[in-house]
Amino acid sequence: MIADIPQRAVFDESARYHRFLEYRVTGEIERDRLARAVASALHAARSSVGRPARIVVAFGRRLWSVLAPDAVPSDLRDFRIIRGIGGHVAPATQCDLWIWLQGSGEDENVARTLALHVALRDEFTLQLEQPGFTYFESRDLIDFEDGTANPKDDAARTEAAVVPGGPGAGGCIVLIQRWVHDLDKFKALDVARQEAVIGRTKAGSIELEGDALALDSHVARTDVEKDGVAMKIYRRSAPYATIARHGLYFLAFARALERHQVQLDRMYGVSGDGLHDRLIEFSRADTGSYLFAPGERALAQAVDSEASGSDPAGSGACGPEVSGSVVSGSAASGPEATGP
C-alpha cells in the first residue's frame, strides 16, 4: 500500500500572499452533508481562478473524527486555554475547519475565498478571516527575520512536520494562533535590548550564544530537546497589518501535538522552571486552535467525490498524487518564529 503524503502546499513557500479562514460547524455534525460542503468549496476555490491552486485544509478533532474516524491521530485534541505567568493568557478559540489559501496576489486569494465561502456558508459559520503577506525578506513586523530555525531539507521537514505512523500517518498536526503586536512598546527598546528579547541579532539573524543568550529569550524558550531529540516544528507564519491591528498569524506543523504544546508551556511560564518568554510581553495571542491537516489520500477519501458530486482532489494543491518525495512543489527554507 502506498503511504500518504502531506498536502503539497504545506511545503510550498513560493506565495507572497495568504488568506486564513477559520470556520465552525453551524448545526449538527453530519458526515455526508459536511463532506459535500467541503468538497464543493474546494472545487469552487480551485476552479475560480485559471491557475493552479495552493490550498491547505485542516480539521478540528470533532469534525475530523466524524469525517474519518479511522484516521484521527491519537494525540489530536482541542486547544486549551493557557493561563501563564504575569497574567499572560493564550485563549482557546477552537475551529472545526481551517482553509489556507496561498496566492501570487490578493486578487487570486479574494476570488478563491468568495467562491468557497458560498459553498460553506449554509453549513459553517466563519469565525475568522485573516489576510497575510510576506514582509520584505521573510521578516516579522518587529523587523527580525522570521523562521531562521526551520528545518532546511526535505528529510528534516518531514521529520519535524509529518505524522510518521499510525492513524493520520502522512498528515500534520497544526497549531494556529493570531498574535497582536505592541510595536510601539517593542520599538521603544534599543536594538541590543530587542536582540536580548528575541535571542538573535537583528542584522544577519545570528543566534546569540553563551551568556549573551538570555534564558528567557524567545530562542531559549522555544529551542527544546527531549531525551536528546530536538523538538522541531515547521513554521509557515505570515504577518498581517492595518493601522489599528498588526501582528503575526502564527502557523506551524508538527509530527506530534506535544511539540507544539511544550513550546507554548515554556513561553507562558507553565513548564515548571519559573521562566517565561519575554516576547509575550510585547505580543499577545487572541486566537488558538489545534488541527489536523490530513495527507492527500486521506483528504480525498474523507471528502468523498461520490458524496459531493464533484472531485475534491481535482487538480492543484490538495490532489492525491501519492508518490515521490513527501515535499513536492517549491520549498525554500522558511521562517524560527518571532511569535511562538
C-alpha atoms as a PDB file:
ATOM      1  CA  MET A   1       0.000   0.000   0.000  1.00  0.00           C
ATOM      2  CA  ILE A   2       1.362   3.434  -0.961  1.00  0.00           C
ATOM      3  CA  ALA A   3       1.951   5.705   2.028  1.00  0.00           C
ATOM      4  CA  ASP A   4       0.123   9.013   2.238  1.00  0.00           C
ATOM      5  CA  ILE A   5       1.923  12.322   1.773  1.00  0.00           C
ATOM      6  CA  PRO A   6       1.185  15.818   3.106  1.00  0.00           C
ATOM      7  CA  GLN A   7      -0.896  18.225   1.100  1.00  0.00           C
ATOM      8  CA  ARG A   8       1.504  19.809  -1.388  1.00  0.00           C
ATOM      9  CA  ALA A   9       1.013  23.414  -0.348  1.00  0.00           C
ATOM     10  CA  VAL A  10       2.207  22.714   3.204  1.00  0.00           C
ATOM     11  CA  PHE A  11       5.792  22.891   1.975  1.00  0.00           C
ATOM     12  CA  ASP A  12       5.356  25.302  -0.942  1.00  0.00           C
ATOM     13  CA  GLU A  13       6.879  28.611   0.157  1.00  0.00           C
ATOM     14  CA  SER A  14       6.549  30.429  -3.166  1.00  0.00           C
ATOM     15  CA  ALA A  15       3.461  32.543  -2.373  1.00  0.00           C
ATOM     16  CA  ARG A  16       3.716  36.101  -1.019  1.00  0.00           C
ATOM     17  CA  TYR A  17       0.009  36.498  -0.209  1.00  0.00           C
ATOM     18  CA  HIS A  18      -2.053  34.391   2.174  1.00  0.00           C
ATOM     19  CA  ARG A  19      -5.604  34.154   3.470  1.00  0.00           C
ATOM     20  CA  PHE A  20      -6.527  32.122   6.531  1.00  0.00           C
ATOM     21  CA  LEU A  21     -10.163  31.101   7.092  1.00  0.00           C
ATOM     22  CA  GLU A  22     -11.434  29.583  10.347  1.00  0.00           C
ATOM     23  CA  TYR A  23     -14.929  28.050  10.420  1.00  0.00           C
ATOM     24  CA  ARG A  24     -17.200  26.420  12.986  1.00  0.00           C
ATOM     25  CA  VAL A  25     -19.931  23.933  12.077  1.00  0.00           C
ATOM     26  CA  THR A  26     -23.235  25.789  12.398  1.00  0.00           C
ATOM     27  CA  GLY A  27     -25.536  22.895  13.303  1.00  0.00           C
ATOM     28  CA  GLU A  28     -25.179  19.197  13.992  1.00  0.00           C
ATOM     29  CA  ILE A  29     -22.135  17.402  12.656  1.00  0.00           C
ATOM     30  CA  GLU A  30     -23.441  15.030   9.993  1.00  0.00           C
ATOM     31  CA  ARG A  31     -20.832  13.406   7.798  1.00  0.00           C
ATOM     32  CA  ASP A  32     -22.274  13.333   4.294  1.00  0.00           C
ATOM     33  CA  ARG A  33     -23.705  16.841   4.401  1.00  0.00           C
ATOM     34  CA  LEU A  34     -20.495  18.417   5.660  1.00  0.00           C
ATOM     35  CA  ALA A  35     -18.295  16.346   3.341  1.00  0.00           C
ATOM     36  CA  ARG A  36     -20.346  17.609   0.379  1.00  0.00           C
ATOM     37  CA  ALA A  37     -19.960  21.195   1.563  1.00  0.00           C
ATOM     38  CA  VAL A  38     -16.188  20.936   1.973  1.00  0.00           C
ATOM     39  CA  ALA A  39     -15.764  19.140  -1.363  1.00  0.00           C
ATOM     40  CA  SER A  40     -17.887  21.735  -3.145  1.00  0.00           C
ATOM     41  CA  ALA A  41     -15.925  24.557  -1.515  1.00  0.00           C
ATOM     42  CA  LEU A  42     -12.578  23.134  -2.601  1.00  0.00           C
ATOM     43  CA  HIS A  43     -13.841  22.563  -6.130  1.00  0.00           C
ATOM     44  CA  ALA A  44     -15.171  26.142  -6.285  1.00  0.00           C
ATOM     45  CA  ALA A  45     -11.932  27.592  -4.956  1.00  0.00           C
ATOM     46  CA  ARG A  46      -9.795  25.695  -7.452  1.00  0.00           C
ATOM     47  CA  SER A  47     -11.963  26.417 -10.477  1.00  0.00           C
ATOM     48  CA  SER A  48     -12.462  30.122  -9.745  1.00  0.00           C
ATOM     49  CA  VAL A  49      -9.001  31.164 -10.951  1.00  0.00           C
ATOM     50  CA  GLY A  50      -7.262  29.974 -14.093  1.00  0.00           C
ATOM     51  CA  ARG A  51      -4.039  28.913 -12.415  1.00  0.00           C
ATOM     52  CA  PRO A  52      -3.011  26.040 -10.094  1.00  0.00           C
ATOM     53  CA  ALA A  53      -4.376  26.382  -6.585  1.00  0.00           C
ATOM     54  CA  ARG A  54      -2.215  26.333  -3.466  1.00  0.00           C
ATOM     55  CA  ILE A  55      -4.589  25.324  -0.679  1.00  0.00           C
ATOM     56  CA  VAL A  56      -4.190  23.532   2.649  1.00  0.00           C
ATOM     57  CA  VAL A  57      -7.207  22.186   4.540  1.00  0.00           C
ATOM     58  CA  ALA A  58      -7.244  21.110   8.179  1.00  0.00           C
ATOM     59  CA  PHE A  59      -9.886  19.978  10.653  1.00  0.00           C
ATOM     60  CA  GLY A  60     -10.559  20.176  14.354  1.00  0.00           C
ATOM     61  CA  ARG A  61     -10.917  16.885  16.198  1.00  0.00           C
ATOM     62  CA  ARG A  62     -14.716  16.893  16.457  1.00  0.00           C
ATOM     63  CA  LEU A  63     -15.208  17.285  12.689  1.00  0.00           C
ATOM     64  CA  TRP A  64     -12.344  15.063  11.530  1.00  0.00           C
ATOM     65  CA  SER A  65     -13.436  12.256  13.874  1.00  0.00           C
ATOM     66  CA  VAL A  66     -16.766  12.176  12.012  1.00  0.00           C
ATOM     67  CA  LEU A  67     -15.355  12.553   8.508  1.00  0.00           C
ATOM     68  CA  ALA A  68     -12.564   9.979   9.003  1.00  0.00           C
ATOM     69  CA  PRO A  69     -12.829   8.190  12.368  1.00  0.00           C
ATOM     70  CA  ASP A  70     -10.073   5.707  11.490  1.00  0.00           C
ATOM     71  CA  ALA A  71      -7.587   8.450  10.575  1.00  0.00           C
ATOM     72  CA  VAL A  72      -7.583  10.559  13.755  1.00  0.00           C
ATOM     73  CA  PRO A  73      -4.120  10.899  15.329  1.00  0.00           C
ATOM     74  CA  SER A  74      -4.191   9.620  18.881  1.00  0.00           C
ATOM     75  CA  ASP A  75      -2.855  12.900  20.304  1.00  0.00           C
ATOM     76  CA  LEU A  76      -5.183  15.271  18.428  1.00  0.00           C
ATOM     77  CA  ARG A  77      -7.292  17.409  20.773  1.00  0.00           C
ATOM     78  CA  ASP A  78      -8.819  20.856  21.016  1.00  0.00           C
ATOM     79  CA  PHE A  79      -6.672  23.792  22.046  1.00  0.00           C
ATOM     80  CA  ARG A  80      -6.944  24.528  25.778  1.00  0.00           C
ATOM     81  CA  ILE A  81      -6.555  27.934  27.350  1.00  0.00           C
ATOM     82  CA  ILE A  82      -3.163  28.569  28.948  1.00  0.00           C
ATOM     83  CA  ARG A  83      -3.044  30.873  31.974  1.00  0.00           C
ATOM     84  CA  GLY A  84       0.565  31.876  32.248  1.00  0.00           C
ATOM     85  CA  ILE A  85       2.869  33.873  34.486  1.00  0.00           C
ATOM     86  CA  GLY A  86       2.085  37.557  34.919  1.00  0.00           C
ATOM     87  CA  GLY A  87      -1.485  37.328  33.678  1.00  0.00           C
ATOM     88  CA  HIS A  88      -0.459  36.303  30.154  1.00  0.00           C
ATOM     89  CA  VAL A  89      -3.148  34.133  28.546  1.00  0.00           C
ATOM     90  CA  ALA A  90      -3.284  32.003  25.412  1.00  0.00           C
ATOM     91  CA  PRO A  91      -7.002  31.891  24.588  1.00  0.00           C
ATOM     92  CA  ALA A  92      -8.777  28.896  23.058  1.00  0.00           C
ATOM     93  CA  THR A  93     -10.970  29.678  20.039  1.00  0.00           C
ATOM     94  CA  GLN A  94     -11.091  26.181  18.555  1.00  0.00           C
ATOM     95  CA  CYS A  95     -12.353  25.987  14.982  1.00  0.00           C
ATOM     96  CA  ASP A  96     -13.689  22.935  13.120  1.00  0.00           C
ATOM     97  CA  LEU A  97     -12.476  23.719   9.605  1.00  0.00           C
ATOM     98  CA  TRP A  98      -9.441  25.734   8.529  1.00  0.00           C
ATOM     99  CA  ILE A  99      -8.534  26.694   4.982  1.00  0.00           C
ATOM    100  CA  TRP A 100      -5.277  28.361   3.993  1.00  0.00           C
ATOM    101  CA  LEU A 101      -5.124  29.996   0.572  1.00  0.00           C
ATOM    102  CA  GLN A 102      -1.781  30.977  -0.922  1.00  0.00           C
ATOM    103  CA  GLY A 103      -1.505  33.223  -3.949  1.00  0.00           C
ATOM    104  CA  SER A 104       0.742  35.334  -6.093  1.00  0.00           C
ATOM    105  CA  GLY A 105      -1.622  38.267  -5.495  1.00  0.00           C
ATOM    106  CA  GLU A 106      -4.524  39.342  -3.317  1.00  0.00           C
ATOM    107  CA  ASP A 107      -6.841  39.108  -6.332  1.00  0.00           C
ATOM    108  CA  GLU A 108      -6.273  35.353  -6.545  1.00  0.00           C
ATOM    109  CA  ASN A 109      -6.949  34.778  -2.847  1.00  0.00           C
ATOM    110  CA  VAL A 110     -10.034  37.011  -2.834  1.00  0.00           C
ATOM    111  CA  ALA A 111     -11.550  35.199  -5.829  1.00  0.00           C
ATOM    112  CA  ARG A 112     -10.999  31.797  -4.250  1.00  0.00           C
ATOM    113  CA  THR A 113     -12.268  32.974  -0.849  1.00  0.00           C
ATOM    114  CA  LEU A 114     -15.524  34.338  -2.254  1.00  0.00           C
ATOM    115  CA  ALA A 115     -16.119  31.185  -4.281  1.00  0.00           C
ATOM    116  CA  LEU A 116     -15.506  28.704  -1.478  1.00  0.00           C
ATOM    117  CA  HIS A 117     -17.471  30.667   1.112  1.00  0.00           C
ATOM    118  CA  VAL A 118     -20.663  30.386  -0.959  1.00  0.00           C
ATOM    119  CA  ALA A 119     -20.345  26.604  -0.751  1.00  0.00           C
ATOM    120  CA  LEU A 120     -19.693  26.618   3.015  1.00  0.00           C
ATOM    121  CA  ARG A 121     -21.961  29.324   4.403  1.00  0.00           C
ATOM    122  CA  ASP A 122     -25.077  27.159   4.858  1.00  0.00           C
ATOM    123  CA  GLU A 123     -23.210  24.607   6.989  1.00  0.00           C
ATOM    124  CA  PHE A 124     -20.376  26.603   8.560  1.00  0.00           C
ATOM    125  CA  THR A 125     -20.018  29.929  10.355  1.00  0.00           C
ATOM    126  CA  LEU A 126     -16.929  31.973   9.550  1.00  0.00           C
ATOM    127  CA  GLN A 127     -15.245  32.914  12.824  1.00  0.00           C
ATOM    128  CA  LEU A 128     -12.059  34.467  11.443  1.00  0.00           C
ATOM    129  CA  GLU A 129     -10.795  35.640   8.062  1.00  0.00           C
ATOM    130  CA  GLN A 130      -7.222  36.889   8.166  1.00  0.00           C
ATOM    131  CA  PRO A 131      -5.225  38.059   5.137  1.00  0.00           C
ATOM    132  CA  GLY A 132      -1.446  37.857   5.467  1.00  0.00           C
ATOM    133  CA  PHE A 133       1.612  38.620   3.399  1.00  0.00           C
ATOM    134  CA  THR A 134       5.352  38.152   3.132  1.00  0.00           C
ATOM    135  CA  TYR A 135       7.067  41.182   4.703  1.00  0.00           C
ATOM    136  CA  PHE A 136      10.263  42.038   2.841  1.00  0.00           C
ATOM    137  CA  GLU A 137      12.757  39.147   3.234  1.00  0.00           C
ATOM    138  CA  SER A 138      10.527  36.947   5.428  1.00  0.00           C
ATOM    139  CA  ARG A 139      10.577  39.383   8.335  1.00  0.00           C
ATOM    140  CA  ASP A 140       8.083  39.815  11.113  1.00  0.00           C
ATOM    141  CA  LEU A 141       6.718  43.327  11.671  1.00  0.00           C
ATOM    142  CA  ILE A 142       9.124  43.704  14.607  1.00  0.00           C
ATOM    143  CA  ASP A 143      11.778  43.650  11.855  1.00  0.00           C
ATOM    144  CA  PHE A 144      13.519  40.412  12.811  1.00  0.00           C
ATOM    145  CA  GLU A 145      13.827  37.636  10.253  1.00  0.00           C
ATOM    146  CA  ASP A 146      11.125  35.048  10.823  1.00  0.00           C
ATOM    147  CA  GLY A 147      11.763  31.325  10.706  1.00  0.00           C
ATOM    148  CA  THR A 148      15.518  31.021  10.551  1.00  0.00           C
ATOM    149  CA  ALA A 149      15.449  27.792  12.618  1.00  0.00           C
ATOM    150  CA  ASN A 150      13.079  25.954  10.273  1.00  0.00           C
ATOM    151  CA  PRO A 151      14.244  22.541   9.011  1.00  0.00           C
ATOM    152  CA  LYS A 152      16.302  23.104   5.878  1.00  0.00           C
ATOM    153  CA  ASP A 153      15.847  19.984   3.715  1.00  0.00           C
ATOM    154  CA  ASP A 154      13.143  17.501   2.754  1.00  0.00           C
ATOM    155  CA  ALA A 155      14.135  14.862   5.285  1.00  0.00           C
ATOM    156  CA  ALA A 156      14.324  17.344   8.162  1.00  0.00           C
ATOM    157  CA  ARG A 157      10.990  18.926   7.247  1.00  0.00           C
ATOM    158  CA  THR A 158       9.367  15.515   7.085  1.00  0.00           C
ATOM    159  CA  GLU A 159      10.813  14.502  10.465  1.00  0.00           C
ATOM    160  CA  ALA A 160       9.564  17.699  12.066  1.00  0.00           C
ATOM    161  CA  ALA A 161       6.148  18.091  10.467  1.00  0.00           C
ATOM    162  CA  VAL A 162       4.695  14.756   9.304  1.00  0.00           C
ATOM    163  CA  VAL A 163       2.928  12.161  11.458  1.00  0.00           C
ATOM    164  CA  PRO A 164       5.209   9.117  10.975  1.00  0.00           C
ATOM    165  CA  GLY A 165       2.836   6.210  11.547  1.00  0.00           C
ATOM    166  CA  GLY A 166      -0.476   5.007  12.932  1.00  0.00           C
ATOM    167  CA  PRO A 167      -3.785   6.839  12.389  1.00  0.00           C
ATOM    168  CA  GLY A 168      -3.164  10.054  10.484  1.00  0.00           C
ATOM    169  CA  ALA A 169       0.208   8.981   9.059  1.00  0.00           C
ATOM    170  CA  GLY A 170       1.286  11.336   6.299  1.00  0.00           C
ATOM    171  CA  GLY A 171      -0.655  14.260   7.728  1.00  0.00           C
ATOM    172  CA  CYS A 172       0.407  17.060  10.071  1.00  0.00           C
ATOM    173  CA  ILE A 173      -0.670  18.343  13.480  1.00  0.00           C
ATOM    174  CA  VAL A 174      -1.279  22.088  13.086  1.00  0.00           C
ATOM    175  CA  LEU A 175      -1.156  24.963  15.576  1.00  0.00           C
ATOM    176  CA  ILE A 176      -2.703  28.300  14.609  1.00  0.00           C
ATOM    177  CA  GLN A 177      -2.687  31.480  16.703  1.00  0.00           C
ATOM    178  CA  ARG A 178      -3.153  35.095  15.742  1.00  0.00           C
ATOM    179  CA  TRP A 179      -0.702  37.304  17.622  1.00  0.00           C
ATOM    180  CA  VAL A 180      -1.280  41.033  18.088  1.00  0.00           C
ATOM    181  CA  HIS A 181       1.926  43.052  18.447  1.00  0.00           C
ATOM    182  CA  ASP A 182       2.530  46.149  20.548  1.00  0.00           C
ATOM    183  CA  LEU A 183       5.011  47.616  18.084  1.00  0.00           C
ATOM    184  CA  ASP A 184       5.383  50.917  19.926  1.00  0.00           C
ATOM    185  CA  LYS A 185       6.415  49.109  23.103  1.00  0.00           C
ATOM    186  CA  PHE A 186       8.876  46.828  21.326  1.00  0.00           C
ATOM    187  CA  LYS A 187      10.407  49.579  19.207  1.00  0.00           C
ATOM    188  CA  ALA A 188      10.927  51.705  22.325  1.00  0.00           C
ATOM    189  CA  LEU A 189      13.732  49.246  23.188  1.00  0.00           C
ATOM    190  CA  ASP A 190      17.135  49.903  21.707  1.00  0.00           C
ATOM    191  CA  VAL A 191      18.469  47.286  19.278  1.00  0.00           C
ATOM    192  CA  ALA A 192      20.579  45.500  21.899  1.00  0.00           C
ATOM    193  CA  ARG A 193      17.572  45.010  24.173  1.00  0.00           C
ATOM    194  CA  GLN A 194      15.398  43.896  21.248  1.00  0.00           C
ATOM    195  CA  GLU A 195      18.025  41.307  20.393  1.00  0.00           C
ATOM    196  CA  ALA A 196      18.083  40.139  24.017  1.00  0.00           C
ATOM    197  CA  VAL A 197      14.314  39.548  23.895  1.00  0.00           C
ATOM    198  CA  ILE A 198      14.490  37.571  20.660  1.00  0.00           C
ATOM    199  CA  GLY A 199      17.850  35.814  21.183  1.00  0.00           C
ATOM    200  CA  ARG A 200      19.168  36.683  17.725  1.00  0.00           C
ATOM    201  CA  THR A 201      20.824  39.642  16.106  1.00  0.00           C
ATOM    202  CA  LYS A 202      18.674  41.985  14.067  1.00  0.00           C
ATOM    203  CA  ALA A 203      21.305  42.261  11.327  1.00  0.00           C
ATOM    204  CA  GLY A 204      22.194  38.881   9.909  1.00  0.00           C
ATOM    205  CA  SER A 205      19.801  36.938  12.201  1.00  0.00           C
ATOM    206  CA  ILE A 206      22.670  35.276  14.073  1.00  0.00           C
ATOM    207  CA  GLU A 207      21.657  33.339  17.179  1.00  0.00           C
ATOM    208  CA  LEU A 208      23.199  34.653  20.380  1.00  0.00           C
ATOM    209  CA  GLU A 209      25.361  32.234  22.341  1.00  0.00           C
ATOM    210  CA  GLY A 210      26.674  31.665  25.850  1.00  0.00           C
ATOM    211  CA  ASP A 211      25.974  34.392  28.404  1.00  0.00           C
ATOM    212  CA  ALA A 212      24.635  36.629  25.605  1.00  0.00           C
ATOM    213  CA  LEU A 213      21.624  34.317  25.148  1.00  0.00           C
ATOM    214  CA  ALA A 214      19.199  35.135  27.950  1.00  0.00           C
ATOM    215  CA  LEU A 215      17.349  32.170  29.431  1.00  0.00           C
ATOM    216  CA  ASP A 216      14.044  33.998  28.950  1.00  0.00           C
ATOM    217  CA  SER A 217      14.703  34.973  25.328  1.00  0.00           C
ATOM    218  CA  HIS A 218      12.389  33.690  22.629  1.00  0.00           C
ATOM    219  CA  VAL A 219      15.083  31.464  21.156  1.00  0.00           C
ATOM    220  CA  ALA A 220      15.945  29.920  24.518  1.00  0.00           C
ATOM    221  CA  ARG A 221      12.309  29.215  25.409  1.00  0.00           C
ATOM    222  CA  THR A 222      11.369  27.656  22.046  1.00  0.00           C
ATOM    223  CA  ASP A 223      14.532  25.674  21.254  1.00  0.00           C
ATOM    224  CA  VAL A 224      13.585  22.484  23.056  1.00  0.00           C
ATOM    225  CA  GLU A 225      15.061  18.996  23.319  1.00  0.00           C
ATOM    226  CA  LYS A 226      13.538  15.912  24.918  1.00  0.00           C
ATOM    227  CA  ASP A 227      15.711  12.881  25.660  1.00  0.00           C
ATOM    228  CA  GLY A 228      18.356  14.353  23.395  1.00  0.00           C
ATOM    229  CA  VAL A 229      15.963  14.811  20.451  1.00  0.00           C
ATOM    230  CA  ALA A 230      15.262  18.325  19.136  1.00  0.00           C
ATOM    231  CA  MET A 231      11.515  19.047  19.243  1.00  0.00           C
ATOM    232  CA  LYS A 232      11.496  20.719  15.834  1.00  0.00           C
ATOM    233  CA  ILE A 233       8.383  22.079  14.157  1.00  0.00           C
ATOM    234  CA  TYR A 234       7.886  23.593  10.705  1.00  0.00           C
ATOM    235  CA  ARG A 235       6.650  27.203  10.743  1.00  0.00           C
ATOM    236  CA  ARG A 236       4.685  28.952   7.979  1.00  0.00           C
ATOM    237  CA  SER A 237       3.576  32.130   9.753  1.00  0.00           C
ATOM    238  CA  ALA A 238       2.568  35.315   7.953  1.00  0.00           C
ATOM    239  CA  PRO A 239       2.415  38.938   9.141  1.00  0.00           C
ATOM    240  CA  TYR A 240      -0.805  40.931   8.817  1.00  0.00           C
ATOM    241  CA  ALA A 241      -1.328  44.639   9.302  1.00  0.00           C
ATOM    242  CA  THR A 242      -3.721  47.524   9.474  1.00  0.00           C
ATOM    243  CA  ILE A 243      -3.025  50.727  11.356  1.00  0.00           C
ATOM    244  CA  ALA A 244      -5.330  49.592  14.159  1.00  0.00           C
ATOM    245  CA  ARG A 245      -4.187  45.950  14.446  1.00  0.00           C
ATOM    246  CA  HIS A 246      -0.986  44.285  13.310  1.00  0.00           C
ATOM    247  CA  GLY A 247       0.953  41.197  14.187  1.00  0.00           C
ATOM    248  CA  LEU A 248       1.649  37.647  13.114  1.00  0.00           C
ATOM    249  CA  TYR A 249      -0.664  34.828  12.125  1.00  0.00           C
ATOM    250  CA  PHE A 250       1.360  32.027  13.650  1.00  0.00           C
ATOM    251  CA  LEU A 251       1.122  28.744  11.790  1.00  0.00           C
ATOM    252  CA  ALA A 252       3.189  25.623  12.439  1.00  0.00           C
ATOM    253  CA  PHE A 253       3.115  21.938  11.513  1.00  0.00           C
ATOM    254  CA  ALA A 254       4.413  19.078  13.645  1.00  0.00           C
ATOM    255  CA  ARG A 255       4.573  15.292  13.755  1.00  0.00           C
ATOM    256  CA  ALA A 256       3.040  15.314  17.250  1.00  0.00           C
ATOM    257  CA  LEU A 257       0.940  17.764  19.248  1.00  0.00           C
ATOM    258  CA  GLU A 258       3.443  17.589  22.115  1.00  0.00           C
ATOM    259  CA  ARG A 259       5.974  19.510  20.029  1.00  0.00           C
ATOM    260  CA  HIS A 260       3.650  22.494  19.895  1.00  0.00           C
ATOM    261  CA  GLN A 261       2.489  22.265  23.490  1.00  0.00           C
ATOM    262  CA  VAL A 262       5.939  22.052  25.067  1.00  0.00           C
ATOM    263  CA  GLN A 263       6.934  25.304  23.369  1.00  0.00           C
ATOM    264  CA  LEU A 264       3.739  27.055  24.459  1.00  0.00           C
ATOM    265  CA  ASP A 265       4.170  25.869  28.047  1.00  0.00           C
ATOM    266  CA  ARG A 266       7.716  27.211  28.103  1.00  0.00           C
ATOM    267  CA  MET A 267       6.645  30.507  26.551  1.00  0.00           C
ATOM    268  CA  TYR A 268       3.881  31.103  29.088  1.00  0.00           C
ATOM    269  CA  GLY A 269       5.901  30.012  32.106  1.00  0.00           C
ATOM    270  CA  VAL A 270       3.908  26.896  32.997  1.00  0.00           C
ATOM    271  CA  SER A 271       6.637  24.326  32.294  1.00  0.00           C
ATOM    272  CA  GLY A 272       7.826  24.276  35.904  1.00  0.00           C
ATOM    273  CA  ASP A 273      11.094  26.224  35.746  1.00  0.00           C
ATOM    274  CA  GLY A 274       9.628  29.627  36.643  1.00  0.00           C
ATOM    275  CA  LEU A 275      10.699  31.278  33.382  1.00  0.00           C
ATOM    276  CA  HIS A 276       8.618  32.675  30.544  1.00  0.00           C
ATOM    277  CA  ASP A 277       9.319  34.006  27.073  1.00  0.00           C
ATOM    278  CA  ARG A 278       9.872  37.769  27.229  1.00  0.00           C
ATOM    279  CA  LEU A 279       8.380  38.119  23.767  1.00  0.00           C
ATOM    280  CA  ILE A 280       4.870  37.677  25.179  1.00  0.00           C
ATOM    281  CA  GLU A 281       5.368  40.999  26.979  1.00  0.00           C
ATOM    282  CA  PHE A 282       5.264  42.645  23.545  1.00  0.00           C
ATOM    283  CA  SER A 283       2.729  40.467  21.719  1.00  0.00           C
ATOM    284  CA  ARG A 284      -0.431  38.627  22.759  1.00  0.00           C
ATOM    285  CA  ALA A 285      -2.361  35.802  21.168  1.00  0.00           C
ATOM    286  CA  ASP A 286      -6.073  36.364  20.628  1.00  0.00           C
ATOM    287  CA  THR A 287      -6.933  33.014  18.982  1.00  0.00           C
ATOM    288  CA  GLY A 288      -5.808  29.403  19.314  1.00  0.00           C
ATOM    289  CA  SER A 289      -6.677  26.076  17.654  1.00  0.00           C
ATOM    290  CA  TYR A 290      -5.144  22.655  17.184  1.00  0.00           C
ATOM    291  CA  LEU A 291      -5.992  20.974  13.880  1.00  0.00           C
ATOM    292  CA  PHE A 292      -5.116  18.030  11.691  1.00  0.00           C
ATOM    293  CA  ALA A 293      -4.128  18.536   8.066  1.00  0.00           C
ATOM    294  CA  PRO A 294      -4.656  15.067   6.575  1.00  0.00           C
ATOM    295  CA  GLY A 295      -2.470  13.684   3.845  1.00  0.00           C
ATOM    296  CA  GLU A 296      -3.697  13.937   0.279  1.00  0.00           C
ATOM    297  CA  ARG A 297      -5.110  10.415   0.121  1.00  0.00           C
ATOM    298  CA  ALA A 298      -6.901  10.726   3.477  1.00  0.00           C
ATOM    299  CA  LEU A 299      -8.377  14.093   2.479  1.00  0.00           C
ATOM    300  CA  ALA A 300      -9.687  12.735  -0.807  1.00  0.00           C
ATOM    301  CA  GLN A 301     -11.229   9.727   0.932  1.00  0.00           C
ATOM    302  CA  ALA A 302     -12.833  11.784   3.709  1.00  0.00           C
ATOM    303  CA  VAL A 303     -14.298  14.392   1.411  1.00  0.00           C
ATOM    304  CA  ASP A 304     -15.674  11.707  -0.860  1.00  0.00           C
ATOM    305  CA  SER A 305     -16.370  12.578  -4.507  1.00  0.00           C
ATOM    306  CA  GLU A 306     -19.399  10.266  -4.573  1.00  0.00           C
ATOM    307  CA  ALA A 307     -20.901  12.167  -1.635  1.00  0.00           C
ATOM    308  CA  SER A 308     -20.062  15.566  -3.092  1.00  0.00           C
ATOM    309  CA  GLY A 309     -20.847  15.178  -6.766  1.00  0.00           C
ATOM    310  CA  SER A 310     -17.549  16.909  -7.516  1.00  0.00           C
ATOM    311  CA  ASP A 311     -13.905  15.937  -7.467  1.00  0.00           C
ATOM    312  CA  PRO A 312     -12.447  17.188  -4.160  1.00  0.00           C
ATOM    313  CA  ALA A 313      -8.952  16.136  -5.101  1.00  0.00           C
ATOM    314  CA  GLY A 314      -9.126  17.649  -8.538  1.00  0.00           C
ATOM    315  CA  SER A 315      -6.053  19.415  -9.764  1.00  0.00           C
ATOM    316  CA  GLY A 316      -3.996  21.736  -7.629  1.00  0.00           C
ATOM    317  CA  ALA A 317      -2.617  21.803  -4.146  1.00  0.00           C
ATOM    318  CA  CYS A 318      -4.561  19.010  -2.496  1.00  0.00           C
ATOM    319  CA  GLY A 319      -4.891  16.466  -5.291  1.00  0.00           C
ATOM    320  CA  PRO A 320      -3.806  12.951  -4.326  1.00  0.00           C
ATOM    321  CA  GLU A 321      -0.721  12.312  -6.410  1.00  0.00           C
ATOM    322  CA  VAL A 322       0.609   9.898  -3.824  1.00  0.00           C
ATOM    323  CA  SER A 323       4.112   9.230  -4.996  1.00  0.00           C
ATOM    324  CA  GLY A 324       7.597  10.670  -4.935  1.00  0.00           C
ATOM    325  CA  SER A 325       9.056  12.927  -2.298  1.00  0.00           C
ATOM    326  CA  VAL A 326       6.970  13.992   0.651  1.00  0.00           C
ATOM    327  CA  VAL A 327       8.000  17.562  -0.086  1.00  0.00           C
ATOM    328  CA  SER A 328       6.677  18.356  -3.551  1.00  0.00           C
ATOM    329  CA  GLY A 329       6.270  21.776  -5.058  1.00  0.00           C
ATOM    330  CA  SER A 330       8.568  24.704  -4.305  1.00  0.00           C
ATOM    331  CA  ALA A 331      10.107  24.572  -0.842  1.00  0.00           C
ATOM    332  CA  ALA A 332      12.572  27.163   0.270  1.00  0.00           C
ATOM    333  CA  SER A 333      13.847  27.256   3.812  1.00  0.00           C
ATOM    334  CA  GLY A 334      11.317  29.151   5.818  1.00  0.00           C
ATOM    335  CA  PRO A 335      10.701  31.059   8.948  1.00  0.00           C
ATOM    336  CA  GLU A 336      12.242  30.419  13.591  1.00  0.00           C
ATOM    337  CA  ALA A 337       9.054  32.166  14.543  1.00  0.00           C
ATOM    338  CA  THR A 338       9.084  35.509  16.242  1.00  0.00           C
ATOM    339  CA  GLY A 339       5.698  34.646  17.596  1.00  0.00           C
ATOM    340  CA  PRO A 340       5.698  31.386  19.323  1.00  0.00           C
END
